[in-house]
């Protein structure tokens, strides 16, 4: 809405510092008459554009206001109050945010940073890194200790790269290591000389 009003050069009518036009008199010059005519046209255009963007419910609520400045001020007040409530809810979400092993770590860190951006509060990199570390699951305790004991200073982007490498390394290790079920199965069926059901095939016995 602001972009449209600026593009049409009519946003100025919403400025609270804009002086009111004096009442018309018979002594008004042509310049004053032209200024008054332009102001009335711009106010009508501005009011119409604002009302045109509203939902039916909001239109019914604000259409009785004749001045575009009155409509704009009323909308600002309503939405600023709503935004304060949303900001409190986002802050609560940020403090209660937890990271779980059941989902990709980097996806959850990305969600947390989106939450921070919505708060529109400047949070130092050290605090952001500390917050992410505190929200990691217990399986990452060794990694948390390593980062906390490190003397290197990192930005959030550097930390994201660092934790992404750690996450990918863990994923590769999990794939390369045999599961406990496979180890138990081999130990039960492969050990001992009395197992006659376990056969070893020579390479030449397989067809291409």
N, C-alpha and C. Protein backbone atom coordinates (compact mmCIF):
# COMPACT_ATOMS: atom_id res chain seq x y z
N UNK A 1 0.83 -1.20 0.00
CA UNK A 1 0.00 0.00 0.00
C UNK A 1 0.87 1.25 0.00
N UNK A 2 1.89 1.25 0.84
CA UNK A 2 2.80 2.40 0.88
C UNK A 2 3.47 2.61 -0.48
N UNK A 3 3.91 1.51 -1.09
CA UNK A 3 4.58 1.61 -2.39
C UNK A 3 3.65 2.23 -3.43
N UNK A 4 2.39 1.79 -3.42
CA UNK A 4 1.42 2.33 -4.39
C UNK A 4 1.19 3.82 -4.16
N UNK A 5 1.00 4.23 -2.91
CA UNK A 5 0.74 5.64 -2.62
C UNK A 5 1.95 6.52 -2.95
N UNK A 6 3.16 5.97 -2.70
CA UNK A 6 4.37 6.72 -3.08
C UNK A 6 4.46 6.84 -4.60
N UNK A 7 4.17 5.75 -5.31
CA UNK A 7 4.26 5.75 -6.77
C UNK A 7 3.29 6.75 -7.39
N UNK A 8 2.14 6.93 -6.75
CA UNK A 8 1.13 7.87 -7.25
C UNK A 8 1.36 9.30 -6.76
N UNK A 9 2.40 9.48 -5.92
CA UNK A 9 2.73 10.80 -5.36
C UNK A 9 1.58 11.39 -4.53
N UNK A 10 0.89 10.52 -3.79
CA UNK A 10 -0.22 11.01 -2.96
C UNK A 10 -0.03 10.63 -1.48
N UNK A 11 1.11 10.01 -1.16
CA UNK A 11 1.33 9.61 0.24
C UNK A 11 1.43 10.83 1.16
N UNK A 12 1.79 11.96 0.60
CA UNK A 12 2.00 13.16 1.41
C UNK A 12 0.73 13.56 2.18
N UNK A 13 -0.45 13.19 1.68
CA UNK A 13 -1.69 13.60 2.36
C UNK A 13 -1.87 12.87 3.69
N UNK A 14 -1.07 11.81 3.93
CA UNK A 14 -1.16 11.07 5.20
C UNK A 14 -0.19 11.62 6.24
N UNK A 15 0.64 12.56 5.85
CA UNK A 15 1.62 13.13 6.77
C UNK A 15 0.91 13.97 7.83
N UNK A 16 1.15 13.63 9.10
CA UNK A 16 0.48 14.34 10.19
C UNK A 16 0.95 15.79 10.30
N UNK A 17 2.13 16.08 9.74
CA UNK A 17 2.66 17.46 9.79
C UNK A 17 2.15 18.32 8.65
N UNK A 18 1.37 17.73 7.76
CA UNK A 18 0.86 18.50 6.62
C UNK A 18 -0.17 19.51 7.10
N UNK A 19 0.02 20.81 6.82
CA UNK A 19 -0.95 21.81 7.29
C UNK A 19 -2.28 21.69 6.56
N UNK A 20 -3.34 22.05 7.25
CA UNK A 20 -4.67 22.01 6.65
C UNK A 20 -4.83 23.14 5.64
N UNK A 21 -5.62 22.87 4.64
CA UNK A 21 -5.90 23.91 3.66
C UNK A 21 -6.87 24.92 4.27
N UNK A 22 -6.62 26.21 4.10
CA UNK A 22 -7.55 27.22 4.65
C UNK A 22 -8.90 27.17 3.93
N UNK A 23 -9.90 27.62 4.63
CA UNK A 23 -11.24 27.67 4.03
C UNK A 23 -11.24 28.59 2.81
N UNK A 24 -11.98 28.24 1.79
CA UNK A 24 -12.00 29.09 0.58
C UNK A 24 -12.65 30.45 0.84
N UNK A 25 -12.09 31.45 0.22
CA UNK A 25 -12.63 32.82 0.31
C UNK A 25 -12.70 33.41 -1.10
N UNK A 26 -13.38 34.52 -1.19
CA UNK A 26 -13.51 35.19 -2.49
C UNK A 26 -12.19 35.81 -2.93
N UNK A 27 -11.27 35.97 -2.00
CA UNK A 27 -9.99 36.61 -2.31
C UNK A 27 -8.90 35.61 -2.69
N UNK A 28 -9.25 34.33 -2.75
CA UNK A 28 -8.25 33.31 -3.08
C UNK A 28 -7.71 33.52 -4.50
N UNK A 29 -6.41 33.40 -4.62
CA UNK A 29 -5.78 33.51 -5.94
C UNK A 29 -5.98 32.20 -6.71
N UNK A 30 -5.66 32.26 -7.98
CA UNK A 30 -5.78 31.05 -8.81
C UNK A 30 -4.83 29.95 -8.35
N UNK A 31 -3.68 30.35 -7.82
CA UNK A 31 -2.70 29.36 -7.32
C UNK A 31 -3.27 28.61 -6.13
N UNK A 32 -3.88 29.35 -5.19
CA UNK A 32 -4.48 28.73 -4.00
C UNK A 32 -5.63 27.82 -4.40
N UNK A 33 -6.44 28.28 -5.35
CA UNK A 33 -7.55 27.45 -5.82
C UNK A 33 -7.06 26.15 -6.44
N UNK A 34 -5.97 26.26 -7.19
CA UNK A 34 -5.40 25.08 -7.85
C UNK A 34 -4.83 24.10 -6.81
N UNK A 35 -4.16 24.64 -5.79
CA UNK A 35 -3.61 23.81 -4.72
C UNK A 35 -4.72 23.10 -3.96
N UNK A 36 -5.81 23.82 -3.68
CA UNK A 36 -6.94 23.22 -2.96
C UNK A 36 -7.57 22.11 -3.80
N UNK A 37 -7.70 22.34 -5.07
CA UNK A 37 -8.30 21.36 -5.96
C UNK A 37 -7.44 20.08 -6.03
N UNK A 38 -6.12 20.30 -6.10
CA UNK A 38 -5.21 19.15 -6.16
C UNK A 38 -5.24 18.37 -4.86
N UNK A 39 -5.26 19.09 -3.72
CA UNK A 39 -5.30 18.41 -2.42
C UNK A 39 -6.57 17.58 -2.28
N UNK A 40 -7.69 18.14 -2.65
CA UNK A 40 -8.96 17.41 -2.56
C UNK A 40 -8.96 16.17 -3.45
N UNK A 41 -8.38 16.33 -4.63
CA UNK A 41 -8.30 15.18 -5.57
C UNK A 41 -7.39 14.09 -5.01
N UNK A 42 -6.24 14.49 -4.48
CA UNK A 42 -5.28 13.51 -3.96
C UNK A 42 -5.83 12.81 -2.72
N UNK A 43 -6.53 13.55 -1.85
CA UNK A 43 -7.12 12.93 -0.66
C UNK A 43 -8.20 11.93 -1.04
N UNK A 44 -9.02 12.28 -2.02
CA UNK A 44 -10.06 11.37 -2.49
C UNK A 44 -9.44 10.11 -3.10
N UNK A 45 -8.39 10.29 -3.89
CA UNK A 45 -7.71 9.17 -4.53
C UNK A 45 -7.04 8.26 -3.49
N UNK A 46 -6.40 8.88 -2.51
CA UNK A 46 -5.72 8.13 -1.45
C UNK A 46 -6.74 7.34 -0.63
N UNK A 47 -7.81 7.98 -0.23
CA UNK A 47 -8.85 7.30 0.55
C UNK A 47 -9.43 6.12 -0.23
N UNK A 48 -9.68 6.32 -1.52
CA UNK A 48 -10.27 5.26 -2.34
C UNK A 48 -9.33 4.07 -2.47
N UNK A 49 -8.04 4.33 -2.66
CA UNK A 49 -7.08 3.23 -2.78
C UNK A 49 -6.97 2.43 -1.48
N UNK A 50 -6.95 3.13 -0.36
CA UNK A 50 -6.85 2.44 0.93
C UNK A 50 -8.07 1.56 1.16
N UNK A 51 -9.25 2.13 0.98
CA UNK A 51 -10.49 1.38 1.19
C UNK A 51 -10.60 0.20 0.21
N UNK A 52 -10.09 0.40 -0.99
CA UNK A 52 -10.20 -0.64 -2.01
C UNK A 52 -9.40 -1.89 -1.66
N UNK A 53 -8.35 -1.74 -0.84
CA UNK A 53 -7.51 -2.88 -0.48
C UNK A 53 -8.05 -3.65 0.73
N UNK A 54 -9.04 -3.11 1.41
CA UNK A 54 -9.53 -3.73 2.65
C UNK A 54 -10.52 -4.86 2.35
N UNK A 55 -10.60 -5.80 3.27
CA UNK A 55 -11.63 -6.84 3.19
C UNK A 55 -12.99 -6.20 3.42
N UNK A 56 -14.04 -6.93 3.11
CA UNK A 56 -15.40 -6.39 3.27
C UNK A 56 -15.67 -5.99 4.72
N UNK A 57 -15.19 -6.80 5.65
CA UNK A 57 -15.42 -6.51 7.07
C UNK A 57 -14.73 -5.21 7.47
N UNK A 58 -13.48 -5.04 7.05
CA UNK A 58 -12.75 -3.82 7.40
C UNK A 58 -13.29 -2.62 6.64
N UNK A 59 -13.74 -2.84 5.41
CA UNK A 59 -14.32 -1.73 4.64
C UNK A 59 -15.55 -1.17 5.35
N UNK A 60 -16.41 -2.07 5.83
CA UNK A 60 -17.61 -1.63 6.55
C UNK A 60 -17.24 -0.88 7.82
N UNK A 61 -16.10 -1.23 8.39
CA UNK A 61 -15.68 -0.61 9.65
C UNK A 61 -15.12 0.79 9.44
N UNK A 62 -14.43 1.02 8.31
CA UNK A 62 -13.71 2.28 8.11
C UNK A 62 -14.28 3.19 7.02
N UNK A 63 -15.28 2.73 6.29
CA UNK A 63 -15.77 3.54 5.16
C UNK A 63 -16.46 4.83 5.61
N UNK A 64 -16.89 4.90 6.87
CA UNK A 64 -17.55 6.12 7.35
C UNK A 64 -16.56 7.25 7.64
N UNK A 65 -15.28 6.92 7.72
CA UNK A 65 -14.26 7.95 7.95
C UNK A 65 -13.97 8.65 6.63
N UNK A 66 -14.08 9.95 6.61
CA UNK A 66 -13.95 10.71 5.37
C UNK A 66 -12.51 11.06 5.02
N UNK A 67 -11.68 11.21 6.04
CA UNK A 67 -10.29 11.61 5.80
C UNK A 67 -9.40 10.37 5.64
N UNK A 68 -8.55 10.33 4.59
CA UNK A 68 -7.63 9.19 4.44
C UNK A 68 -6.65 9.09 5.60
N UNK A 69 -6.31 10.25 6.20
CA UNK A 69 -5.40 10.24 7.35
C UNK A 69 -6.05 9.56 8.55
N UNK A 70 -7.34 9.78 8.76
CA UNK A 70 -8.06 9.13 9.86
C UNK A 70 -8.09 7.61 9.66
N UNK A 71 -8.36 7.19 8.42
CA UNK A 71 -8.39 5.75 8.13
C UNK A 71 -7.01 5.13 8.37
N UNK A 72 -5.99 5.81 7.86
CA UNK A 72 -4.63 5.30 7.99
C UNK A 72 -4.20 5.19 9.45
N UNK A 73 -4.51 6.21 10.23
CA UNK A 73 -4.15 6.21 11.65
C UNK A 73 -4.87 5.09 12.41
N UNK A 74 -6.15 4.90 12.09
CA UNK A 74 -6.93 3.84 12.73
C UNK A 74 -6.37 2.46 12.39
N UNK A 75 -5.99 2.26 11.13
CA UNK A 75 -5.41 0.98 10.72
C UNK A 75 -4.05 0.74 11.37
N UNK A 76 -3.24 1.78 11.43
CA UNK A 76 -1.93 1.65 12.07
C UNK A 76 -2.08 1.24 13.53
N UNK A 77 -2.99 1.89 14.24
CA UNK A 77 -3.20 1.58 15.66
C UNK A 77 -3.64 0.14 15.84
N UNK A 78 -4.58 -0.30 15.00
CA UNK A 78 -5.10 -1.67 15.11
C UNK A 78 -4.01 -2.70 14.85
N UNK A 79 -3.24 -2.51 13.79
CA UNK A 79 -2.25 -3.51 13.41
C UNK A 79 -0.99 -3.45 14.25
N UNK A 80 -0.66 -2.29 14.79
CA UNK A 80 0.49 -2.21 15.70
C UNK A 80 0.19 -2.96 17.00
N UNK A 81 -1.06 -2.84 17.49
CA UNK A 81 -1.44 -3.61 18.67
C UNK A 81 -1.41 -5.11 18.40
N UNK A 82 -1.86 -5.48 17.20
CA UNK A 82 -1.84 -6.90 16.83
C UNK A 82 -0.40 -7.41 16.72
N UNK A 83 0.47 -6.57 16.16
CA UNK A 83 1.86 -6.95 15.99
C UNK A 83 2.55 -7.17 17.33
N UNK A 84 2.21 -6.35 18.33
CA UNK A 84 2.81 -6.54 19.66
C UNK A 84 2.45 -7.91 20.21
N UNK A 85 1.20 -8.32 20.01
CA UNK A 85 0.78 -9.64 20.46
C UNK A 85 1.51 -10.75 19.73
N UNK A 86 1.71 -10.58 18.40
CA UNK A 86 2.42 -11.57 17.60
C UNK A 86 3.88 -11.65 18.04
N UNK A 87 4.51 -10.50 18.32
CA UNK A 87 5.91 -10.48 18.75
C UNK A 87 6.08 -11.24 20.06
N UNK A 88 5.14 -11.10 20.98
CA UNK A 88 5.21 -11.83 22.25
C UNK A 88 5.11 -13.34 22.01
N UNK A 89 4.23 -13.72 21.09
CA UNK A 89 4.05 -15.14 20.76
C UNK A 89 5.31 -15.70 20.11
N UNK A 90 5.94 -14.92 19.20
CA UNK A 90 7.16 -15.36 18.54
C UNK A 90 8.31 -15.51 19.54
N UNK A 91 8.39 -14.58 20.50
CA UNK A 91 9.43 -14.67 21.53
C UNK A 91 9.25 -15.94 22.36
N UNK A 92 8.00 -16.27 22.68
CA UNK A 92 7.73 -17.50 23.43
C UNK A 92 8.13 -18.72 22.61
N UNK A 93 7.81 -18.71 21.31
CA UNK A 93 8.19 -19.81 20.43
C UNK A 93 9.72 -19.97 20.38
N UNK A 94 10.43 -18.85 20.35
CA UNK A 94 11.89 -18.89 20.28
C UNK A 94 12.48 -19.55 21.53
N UNK A 95 11.99 -19.16 22.69
CA UNK A 95 12.54 -19.71 23.94
C UNK A 95 12.17 -21.18 24.12
N UNK A 96 11.02 -21.60 23.60
CA UNK A 96 10.57 -22.98 23.77
C UNK A 96 11.02 -23.90 22.64
N UNK A 97 11.70 -23.35 21.64
CA UNK A 97 12.10 -24.14 20.47
C UNK A 97 13.08 -25.23 20.88
N UNK A 98 12.85 -26.47 20.42
CA UNK A 98 13.73 -27.60 20.69
C UNK A 98 14.12 -28.26 19.37
N UNK A 99 15.33 -28.80 19.35
CA UNK A 99 15.84 -29.53 18.18
C UNK A 99 15.85 -31.01 18.51
N UNK A 100 15.34 -31.83 17.59
CA UNK A 100 15.19 -33.27 17.84
C UNK A 100 16.01 -34.07 16.82
N UNK A 101 16.38 -35.29 17.23
CA UNK A 101 17.12 -36.19 16.35
C UNK A 101 16.26 -36.76 15.24
N UNK A 102 14.96 -36.71 15.40
CA UNK A 102 14.05 -37.35 14.45
C UNK A 102 13.91 -36.59 13.14
N UNK A 103 14.43 -35.36 13.11
CA UNK A 103 14.36 -34.55 11.89
C UNK A 103 15.75 -34.03 11.56
N UNK A 104 16.00 -33.69 10.28
CA UNK A 104 17.32 -33.15 9.91
C UNK A 104 17.67 -31.91 10.73
N UNK A 105 18.87 -31.92 11.28
CA UNK A 105 19.32 -30.83 12.16
C UNK A 105 19.31 -29.49 11.45
N UNK A 106 19.82 -29.45 10.21
CA UNK A 106 19.95 -28.18 9.50
C UNK A 106 18.58 -27.57 9.18
N UNK A 107 17.60 -28.42 8.90
CA UNK A 107 16.24 -27.90 8.65
C UNK A 107 15.70 -27.20 9.88
N UNK A 108 15.97 -27.78 11.05
CA UNK A 108 15.46 -27.19 12.30
C UNK A 108 16.21 -25.91 12.65
N UNK A 109 17.51 -25.86 12.38
CA UNK A 109 18.28 -24.64 12.62
C UNK A 109 17.80 -23.53 11.70
N UNK A 110 17.47 -23.89 10.46
CA UNK A 110 16.93 -22.92 9.51
C UNK A 110 15.60 -22.35 10.02
N UNK A 111 14.74 -23.21 10.56
CA UNK A 111 13.46 -22.75 11.13
C UNK A 111 13.69 -21.78 12.29
N UNK A 112 14.69 -22.10 13.12
CA UNK A 112 15.00 -21.24 14.26
C UNK A 112 15.48 -19.87 13.80
N UNK A 113 16.28 -19.82 12.75
CA UNK A 113 16.78 -18.54 12.26
C UNK A 113 15.68 -17.73 11.58
N UNK A 114 14.74 -18.40 10.95
CA UNK A 114 13.57 -17.69 10.40
C UNK A 114 12.78 -17.05 11.53
N UNK A 115 12.65 -17.79 12.64
CA UNK A 115 11.95 -17.26 13.81
C UNK A 115 12.65 -16.02 14.35
N UNK A 116 13.98 -16.05 14.38
CA UNK A 116 14.76 -14.90 14.84
C UNK A 116 14.55 -13.69 13.93
N UNK A 117 14.52 -13.94 12.61
CA UNK A 117 14.33 -12.84 11.66
C UNK A 117 12.96 -12.20 11.82
N UNK A 118 11.94 -13.00 12.19
CA UNK A 118 10.61 -12.45 12.40
C UNK A 118 10.53 -11.61 13.66
N UNK A 119 11.39 -11.90 14.63
CA UNK A 119 11.41 -11.10 15.86
C UNK A 119 11.91 -9.68 15.60
N UNK A 120 12.71 -9.53 14.53
CA UNK A 120 13.26 -8.22 14.15
C UNK A 120 14.01 -7.58 15.31
N UNK A 121 14.78 -8.43 16.01
CA UNK A 121 15.62 -7.96 17.12
C UNK A 121 17.05 -8.36 16.79
N UNK A 122 17.98 -7.45 16.96
CA UNK A 122 19.38 -7.72 16.68
C UNK A 122 19.96 -8.57 17.81
N UNK A 123 20.27 -9.84 17.49
CA UNK A 123 20.83 -10.76 18.48
C UNK A 123 22.28 -11.03 18.09
N UNK A 124 23.24 -10.79 18.98
CA UNK A 124 24.66 -11.03 18.65
C UNK A 124 24.90 -12.48 18.23
N UNK A 125 25.90 -12.68 17.38
CA UNK A 125 26.20 -14.02 16.88
C UNK A 125 26.50 -15.01 18.00
N UNK A 126 27.24 -14.55 19.02
CA UNK A 126 27.59 -15.45 20.13
C UNK A 126 26.34 -15.97 20.85
N UNK A 127 25.34 -15.09 21.02
CA UNK A 127 24.11 -15.51 21.68
C UNK A 127 23.31 -16.46 20.79
N UNK A 128 23.30 -16.21 19.48
CA UNK A 128 22.58 -17.10 18.56
C UNK A 128 23.21 -18.49 18.55
N UNK A 129 24.54 -18.54 18.53
CA UNK A 129 25.24 -19.83 18.54
C UNK A 129 24.98 -20.55 19.86
N UNK A 130 25.03 -19.80 20.97
CA UNK A 130 24.74 -20.40 22.28
C UNK A 130 23.33 -20.94 22.36
N UNK A 131 22.38 -20.21 21.78
CA UNK A 131 20.98 -20.66 21.79
C UNK A 131 20.82 -21.95 21.01
N UNK A 132 21.46 -22.03 19.83
CA UNK A 132 21.37 -23.25 19.02
C UNK A 132 21.99 -24.43 19.77
N UNK A 133 23.15 -24.21 20.40
CA UNK A 133 23.80 -25.28 21.15
C UNK A 133 22.92 -25.78 22.30
N UNK A 134 22.25 -24.84 22.98
CA UNK A 134 21.42 -25.23 24.12
C UNK A 134 20.20 -26.02 23.70
N UNK A 135 19.79 -25.87 22.43
CA UNK A 135 18.59 -26.55 21.95
C UNK A 135 18.89 -27.89 21.26
N UNK A 136 20.18 -28.22 21.08
CA UNK A 136 20.54 -29.49 20.46
C UNK A 136 20.17 -30.66 21.37
N UNK A 137 19.82 -31.81 20.79
CA UNK A 137 19.47 -32.98 21.61
C UNK A 137 20.68 -33.53 22.35
N UNK A 138 20.45 -34.43 23.31
CA UNK A 138 21.53 -34.97 24.16
C UNK A 138 22.57 -35.75 23.37
N UNK A 139 22.18 -36.29 22.20
CA UNK A 139 23.15 -37.04 21.40
C UNK A 139 24.26 -36.14 20.85
N UNK A 140 24.07 -34.83 20.95
CA UNK A 140 25.07 -33.87 20.48
C UNK A 140 25.87 -33.28 21.63
N UNK A 141 25.86 -33.89 22.80
CA UNK A 141 26.55 -33.33 23.97
C UNK A 141 28.05 -33.19 23.74
N UNK A 142 28.66 -34.20 23.11
CA UNK A 142 30.11 -34.13 22.86
C UNK A 142 30.44 -32.97 21.94
N UNK A 143 29.59 -32.77 20.94
CA UNK A 143 29.81 -31.66 20.01
C UNK A 143 29.66 -30.32 20.74
N UNK A 144 28.66 -30.22 21.60
CA UNK A 144 28.45 -28.98 22.36
C UNK A 144 29.68 -28.65 23.22
N UNK A 145 30.22 -29.68 23.89
CA UNK A 145 31.40 -29.46 24.73
C UNK A 145 32.58 -28.99 23.89
N UNK A 146 32.73 -29.61 22.70
CA UNK A 146 33.85 -29.23 21.83
C UNK A 146 33.75 -27.77 21.42
N UNK A 147 32.55 -27.32 21.05
CA UNK A 147 32.37 -25.93 20.62
C UNK A 147 32.54 -24.98 21.79
N UNK A 148 31.99 -25.34 22.95
CA UNK A 148 32.08 -24.46 24.11
C UNK A 148 33.51 -24.30 24.60
N UNK A 149 34.35 -25.34 24.42
CA UNK A 149 35.74 -25.26 24.86
C UNK A 149 36.65 -24.68 23.78
N UNK A 150 36.10 -24.47 22.60
CA UNK A 150 36.92 -23.90 21.52
C UNK A 150 37.14 -22.41 21.76
N UNK A 151 38.33 -21.96 21.44
CA UNK A 151 38.69 -20.55 21.61
C UNK A 151 38.42 -19.73 20.36
N UNK A 152 38.04 -20.42 19.27
CA UNK A 152 37.80 -19.72 18.02
C UNK A 152 36.48 -18.97 18.06
N UNK A 153 36.48 -17.74 17.53
CA UNK A 153 35.25 -16.96 17.42
C UNK A 153 34.63 -17.20 16.04
N UNK A 154 33.34 -17.52 16.04
CA UNK A 154 32.66 -17.82 14.79
C UNK A 154 31.45 -16.91 14.61
N UNK A 155 31.19 -16.61 13.35
CA UNK A 155 29.92 -15.95 13.04
C UNK A 155 28.84 -17.02 12.93
N UNK A 156 27.60 -16.58 12.84
CA UNK A 156 26.50 -17.54 12.71
C UNK A 156 26.65 -18.36 11.43
N UNK A 157 27.05 -17.71 10.33
CA UNK A 157 27.21 -18.43 9.06
C UNK A 157 28.34 -19.45 9.15
N UNK A 158 29.44 -19.09 9.80
CA UNK A 158 30.53 -20.05 9.98
C UNK A 158 30.09 -21.22 10.85
N UNK A 159 29.31 -20.93 11.87
CA UNK A 159 28.82 -21.99 12.74
C UNK A 159 27.87 -22.91 11.98
N UNK A 160 27.03 -22.33 11.13
CA UNK A 160 26.11 -23.15 10.32
C UNK A 160 26.90 -24.12 9.43
N UNK A 161 27.97 -23.62 8.82
CA UNK A 161 28.82 -24.49 8.00
C UNK A 161 29.44 -25.58 8.84
N UNK A 162 29.92 -25.22 10.02
CA UNK A 162 30.58 -26.16 10.93
C UNK A 162 29.62 -27.27 11.36
N UNK A 163 28.41 -26.88 11.76
CA UNK A 163 27.45 -27.87 12.25
C UNK A 163 26.88 -28.70 11.09
N UNK A 164 26.86 -28.13 9.89
CA UNK A 164 26.41 -28.89 8.73
C UNK A 164 27.41 -30.00 8.40
N UNK A 165 28.70 -29.68 8.48
CA UNK A 165 29.74 -30.69 8.26
C UNK A 165 29.63 -31.79 9.30
N UNK A 166 29.42 -31.40 10.55
CA UNK A 166 29.26 -32.38 11.63
C UNK A 166 28.05 -33.26 11.38
N UNK A 167 26.95 -32.66 10.94
CA UNK A 167 25.72 -33.42 10.69
C UNK A 167 25.91 -34.41 9.55
N UNK A 168 26.57 -33.98 8.47
CA UNK A 168 26.81 -34.88 7.34
C UNK A 168 27.78 -35.99 7.71
N UNK A 169 28.78 -35.69 8.54
CA UNK A 169 29.73 -36.71 9.00
C UNK A 169 29.01 -37.77 9.82
N UNK A 170 28.13 -37.34 10.70
CA UNK A 170 27.36 -38.29 11.51
C UNK A 170 26.47 -39.16 10.64
N UNK A 171 25.87 -38.56 9.62
CA UNK A 171 25.00 -39.33 8.73
C UNK A 171 25.79 -40.40 7.98
N UNK A 172 27.02 -40.06 7.50
CA UNK A 172 27.85 -41.03 6.81
C UNK A 172 28.31 -42.14 7.75
N UNK A 173 28.68 -41.77 8.98
CA UNK A 173 29.11 -42.77 9.96
C UNK A 173 27.98 -43.74 10.28
N UNK A 174 26.76 -43.21 10.36
CA UNK A 174 25.61 -44.07 10.67
C UNK A 174 25.36 -45.08 9.56
N UNK A 175 25.62 -44.67 8.30
CA UNK A 175 25.43 -45.58 7.17
C UNK A 175 26.54 -46.62 7.10
N UNK A 176 27.78 -46.19 7.36
CA UNK A 176 28.94 -47.09 7.21
C UNK A 176 29.04 -48.11 8.34
N UNK A 177 28.55 -47.80 9.54
CA UNK A 177 28.63 -48.72 10.66
C UNK A 177 27.48 -49.73 10.59
N UNK A 178 27.76 -51.04 10.76
CA UNK A 178 26.70 -52.04 10.75
C UNK A 178 25.81 -51.89 11.96
N UNK A 179 24.58 -52.23 11.80
CA UNK A 179 23.64 -52.11 12.90
C UNK A 179 23.91 -53.18 13.94
N UNK A 180 23.42 -52.97 15.17
CA UNK A 180 23.60 -53.94 16.25
C UNK A 180 22.91 -55.25 15.94
N UNK A 181 21.81 -55.21 15.18
CA UNK A 181 21.10 -56.42 14.81
C UNK A 181 21.97 -57.30 13.92
N UNK A 182 22.64 -56.66 12.95
CA UNK A 182 23.50 -57.42 12.03
C UNK A 182 24.68 -58.03 12.77
N UNK A 183 25.25 -57.26 13.73
CA UNK A 183 26.39 -57.77 14.51
C UNK A 183 25.97 -58.97 15.34
N UNK A 184 24.82 -58.88 16.00
CA UNK A 184 24.34 -59.99 16.83
C UNK A 184 24.04 -61.21 15.98
N UNK A 185 23.47 -61.00 14.79
CA UNK A 185 23.11 -62.10 13.92
C UNK A 185 24.36 -62.87 13.49
N UNK A 186 25.43 -62.12 13.11
CA UNK A 186 26.66 -62.77 12.68
C UNK A 186 27.32 -63.48 13.84
N UNK A 187 27.29 -62.84 15.03
CA UNK A 187 27.96 -63.45 16.18
C UNK A 187 27.28 -64.73 16.60
N UNK A 188 25.95 -64.78 16.44
CA UNK A 188 25.21 -65.98 16.84
C UNK A 188 25.32 -67.09 15.81
N UNK A 189 25.35 -66.76 14.53
CA UNK A 189 25.32 -67.76 13.47
C UNK A 189 26.68 -68.03 12.85
N UNK A 190 27.63 -67.09 13.00
CA UNK A 190 28.92 -67.26 12.34
C UNK A 190 30.00 -67.79 13.25
N UNK A 191 29.83 -67.71 14.57
CA UNK A 191 30.88 -68.14 15.49
C UNK A 191 30.68 -69.61 15.85
N UNK A 192 31.76 -70.27 16.16
CA UNK A 192 31.67 -71.68 16.56
C UNK A 192 31.82 -72.59 15.36
N UNK A 193 32.36 -73.76 15.58
CA UNK A 193 32.61 -74.70 14.49
C UNK A 193 31.45 -75.63 14.24
N UNK A 194 30.43 -75.59 15.14
CA UNK A 194 29.35 -76.54 15.01
C UNK A 194 28.23 -76.09 14.09
N UNK A 195 28.29 -74.91 13.50
CA UNK A 195 27.22 -74.42 12.65
C UNK A 195 27.41 -74.96 11.24
N UNK A 196 26.54 -75.84 10.84
CA UNK A 196 26.67 -76.47 9.52
C UNK A 196 25.83 -75.77 8.47
N UNK A 197 24.99 -74.87 8.88
CA UNK A 197 24.10 -74.20 7.93
C UNK A 197 24.75 -72.99 7.27
N UNK A 198 25.87 -72.54 7.85
CA UNK A 198 26.54 -71.37 7.28
C UNK A 198 27.53 -71.82 6.24
N UNK A 199 27.33 -71.47 4.99
CA UNK A 199 28.19 -71.89 3.90
C UNK A 199 28.94 -70.68 3.34
N UNK A 200 30.16 -70.94 2.91
CA UNK A 200 30.96 -69.92 2.27
C UNK A 200 31.10 -70.27 0.81
N UNK A 201 30.66 -69.38 -0.07
CA UNK A 201 30.70 -69.63 -1.52
C UNK A 201 31.95 -69.00 -2.11
N UNK A 202 32.55 -69.73 -2.98
CA UNK A 202 33.70 -69.18 -3.71
C UNK A 202 33.22 -68.21 -4.77
N UNK A 203 34.09 -67.31 -5.13
CA UNK A 203 33.73 -66.28 -6.11
C UNK A 203 33.37 -66.91 -7.45
N UNK A 204 34.05 -68.03 -7.80
CA UNK A 204 33.82 -68.64 -9.09
C UNK A 204 32.47 -69.33 -9.19
N UNK A 205 31.80 -69.54 -8.05
CA UNK A 205 30.53 -70.24 -8.08
C UNK A 205 29.37 -69.34 -8.49
N UNK A 206 29.60 -68.02 -8.58
CA UNK A 206 28.55 -67.08 -8.97
C UNK A 206 28.60 -66.83 -10.47
N UNK A 207 27.42 -66.77 -11.08
CA UNK A 207 27.33 -66.43 -12.49
C UNK A 207 27.38 -64.92 -12.65
N UNK A 208 27.86 -64.49 -13.83
CA UNK A 208 27.90 -63.07 -14.10
C UNK A 208 26.50 -62.54 -14.28
